[in-house]
């Protein structure tokens, strides 16, 4: 299991409500797991420019956004954990 660190986070009420709605359909997920999963997906699969664009909420809320996240069957190269 990966190590996690406890931190405090302010979440908008409407965003938290959407997370709770998601959890109603997927009750086996905890709130922190949902948030961690989304954050991991964003920071591991989008580049800095895309993430910065996501942070510019005042800009994208008034525009149609084009976001894509797809899991393929193509595997990433295996990372060896052996010493030498």
C-alpha atoms as a PDB file:
ATOM      1  CA  UNK A   1       0.000   0.000   0.000  1.00  0.00           C
ATOM      2  CA  UNK A   2       1.293   3.444  -0.896  1.00  0.00           C
ATOM      3  CA  UNK A   3       2.135   5.834   1.889  1.00  0.00           C
ATOM      4  CA  UNK A   4      -0.251   8.749   2.236  1.00  0.00           C
ATOM      5  CA  UNK A   5      -0.049  11.988   4.175  1.00  0.00           C
ATOM      6  CA  UNK A   6      -2.916  13.616   6.008  1.00  0.00           C
ATOM      7  CA  UNK A   7      -3.613  17.148   4.796  1.00  0.00           C
ATOM      8  CA  UNK A   8      -6.436  19.632   5.074  1.00  0.00           C
ATOM      9  CA  UNK A   9      -8.265  20.649   1.917  1.00  0.00           C
ATOM     10  CA  UNK A  10     -11.035  23.152   1.315  1.00  0.00           C
ATOM     11  CA  UNK A  11     -13.469  21.802  -1.274  1.00  0.00           C
ATOM     12  CA  UNK A  12     -16.285  23.762  -2.881  1.00  0.00           C
ATOM     13  CA  UNK A  13     -19.702  22.633  -1.654  1.00  0.00           C
ATOM     14  CA  UNK A  14     -20.940  21.811  -5.160  1.00  0.00           C
ATOM     15  CA  UNK A  15     -17.788  19.765  -5.895  1.00  0.00           C
ATOM     16  CA  UNK A  16     -18.166  17.836  -2.633  1.00  0.00           C
ATOM     17  CA  UNK A  17     -21.837  17.222  -3.480  1.00  0.00           C
ATOM     18  CA  UNK A  18     -20.754  15.721  -6.831  1.00  0.00           C
ATOM     19  CA  UNK A  19     -18.291  13.463  -5.028  1.00  0.00           C
ATOM     20  CA  UNK A  20     -21.054  12.355  -2.657  1.00  0.00           C
ATOM     21  CA  UNK A  21     -23.361  11.683  -5.621  1.00  0.00           C
ATOM     22  CA  UNK A  22     -20.611   9.583  -7.208  1.00  0.00           C
ATOM     23  CA  UNK A  23     -20.190   7.651  -3.960  1.00  0.00           C
ATOM     24  CA  UNK A  24     -23.929   6.860  -3.848  1.00  0.00           C
ATOM     25  CA  UNK A  25     -23.441   4.830  -7.027  1.00  0.00           C
ATOM     26  CA  UNK A  26     -20.062   3.469  -5.916  1.00  0.00           C
ATOM     27  CA  UNK A  27     -20.453   3.095  -2.154  1.00  0.00           C
ATOM     28  CA  UNK A  28     -17.291   1.007  -1.758  1.00  0.00           C
ATOM     29  CA  UNK A  29     -15.114   4.108  -2.400  1.00  0.00           C
ATOM     30  CA  UNK A  30     -14.171   6.464   0.430  1.00  0.00           C
ATOM     31  CA  UNK A  31     -14.106  10.218  -0.165  1.00  0.00           C
ATOM     32  CA  UNK A  32     -10.320  10.383   0.189  1.00  0.00           C
ATOM     33  CA  UNK A  33      -9.912   7.526  -2.312  1.00  0.00           C
ATOM     34  CA  UNK A  34     -12.066   9.338  -4.871  1.00  0.00           C
ATOM     35  CA  UNK A  35     -10.109  12.574  -4.424  1.00  0.00           C
ATOM     36  CA  UNK A  36      -6.750  10.753  -4.541  1.00  0.00           C
ATOM     37  CA  UNK A  37      -7.763   8.831  -7.660  1.00  0.00           C
ATOM     38  CA  UNK A  38      -8.784  11.962  -9.517  1.00  0.00           C
ATOM     39  CA  UNK A  39      -5.662  13.868  -8.438  1.00  0.00           C
ATOM     40  CA  UNK A  40      -3.394  10.945  -9.364  1.00  0.00           C
ATOM     41  CA  UNK A  41      -5.061  10.663 -12.788  1.00  0.00           C
ATOM     42  CA  UNK A  42      -4.627  14.378 -13.438  1.00  0.00           C
ATOM     43  CA  UNK A  43      -1.029  14.749 -12.245  1.00  0.00           C
ATOM     44  CA  UNK A  44       0.161  11.480 -13.840  1.00  0.00           C
ATOM     45  CA  UNK A  45      -1.533  11.886 -17.224  1.00  0.00           C
ATOM     46  CA  UNK A  46      -1.845  15.576 -18.043  1.00  0.00           C
ATOM     47  CA  UNK A  47       1.010  17.965 -18.702  1.00  0.00           C
ATOM     48  CA  UNK A  48       1.715  21.169 -16.797  1.00  0.00           C
ATOM     49  CA  UNK A  49      -0.006  23.359 -19.392  1.00  0.00           C
ATOM     50  CA  UNK A  50      -3.194  21.278 -19.239  1.00  0.00           C
ATOM     51  CA  UNK A  51      -3.226  21.327 -15.436  1.00  0.00           C
ATOM     52  CA  UNK A  52      -2.656  25.083 -15.429  1.00  0.00           C
ATOM     53  CA  UNK A  53      -5.612  25.468 -17.785  1.00  0.00           C
ATOM     54  CA  UNK A  54      -7.732  23.463 -15.320  1.00  0.00           C
ATOM     55  CA  UNK A  55      -6.754  25.883 -12.552  1.00  0.00           C
ATOM     56  CA  UNK A  56      -7.992  28.833 -14.594  1.00  0.00           C
ATOM     57  CA  UNK A  57     -11.577  28.040 -13.609  1.00  0.00           C
ATOM     58  CA  UNK A  58     -12.833  31.546 -14.377  1.00  0.00           C
ATOM     59  CA  UNK A  59     -11.749  30.953 -17.976  1.00  0.00           C
ATOM     60  CA  UNK A  60     -13.004  27.421 -18.684  1.00  0.00           C
ATOM     61  CA  UNK A  61     -16.342  27.711 -16.891  1.00  0.00           C
ATOM     62  CA  UNK A  62     -17.590  30.048 -19.613  1.00  0.00           C
ATOM     63  CA  UNK A  63     -16.264  27.884 -22.468  1.00  0.00           C
ATOM     64  CA  UNK A  64     -16.926  24.434 -23.819  1.00  0.00           C
ATOM     65  CA  UNK A  65     -14.069  22.230 -22.605  1.00  0.00           C
ATOM     66  CA  UNK A  66     -12.510  19.302 -24.406  1.00  0.00           C
ATOM     67  CA  UNK A  67     -11.118  16.766 -21.948  1.00  0.00           C
ATOM     68  CA  UNK A  68     -10.124  13.203 -22.704  1.00  0.00           C
ATOM     69  CA  UNK A  69      -8.948  10.430 -20.426  1.00  0.00           C
ATOM     70  CA  UNK A  70      -8.806   6.925 -21.816  1.00  0.00           C
ATOM     71  CA  UNK A  71      -7.197   3.792 -20.449  1.00  0.00           C
ATOM     72  CA  UNK A  72      -5.705   1.705 -23.245  1.00  0.00           C
ATOM     73  CA  UNK A  73      -4.458  -1.865 -23.322  1.00  0.00           C
ATOM     74  CA  UNK A  74      -0.963  -0.610 -24.139  1.00  0.00           C
ATOM     75  CA  UNK A  75       1.327  -1.179 -21.170  1.00  0.00           C
ATOM     76  CA  UNK A  76       3.992   1.198 -19.915  1.00  0.00           C
ATOM     77  CA  UNK A  77       7.550  -0.157 -19.822  1.00  0.00           C
ATOM     78  CA  UNK A  78       8.169  -2.256 -16.712  1.00  0.00           C
ATOM     79  CA  UNK A  79      10.212  -0.479 -14.061  1.00  0.00           C
ATOM     80  CA  UNK A  80      12.769  -2.777 -12.500  1.00  0.00           C
ATOM     81  CA  UNK A  81      13.260  -2.425  -8.755  1.00  0.00           C
ATOM     82  CA  UNK A  82      16.338  -4.629  -8.608  1.00  0.00           C
ATOM     83  CA  UNK A  83      19.688  -3.244  -7.561  1.00  0.00           C
ATOM     84  CA  UNK A  84      21.928  -3.909 -10.554  1.00  0.00           C
END
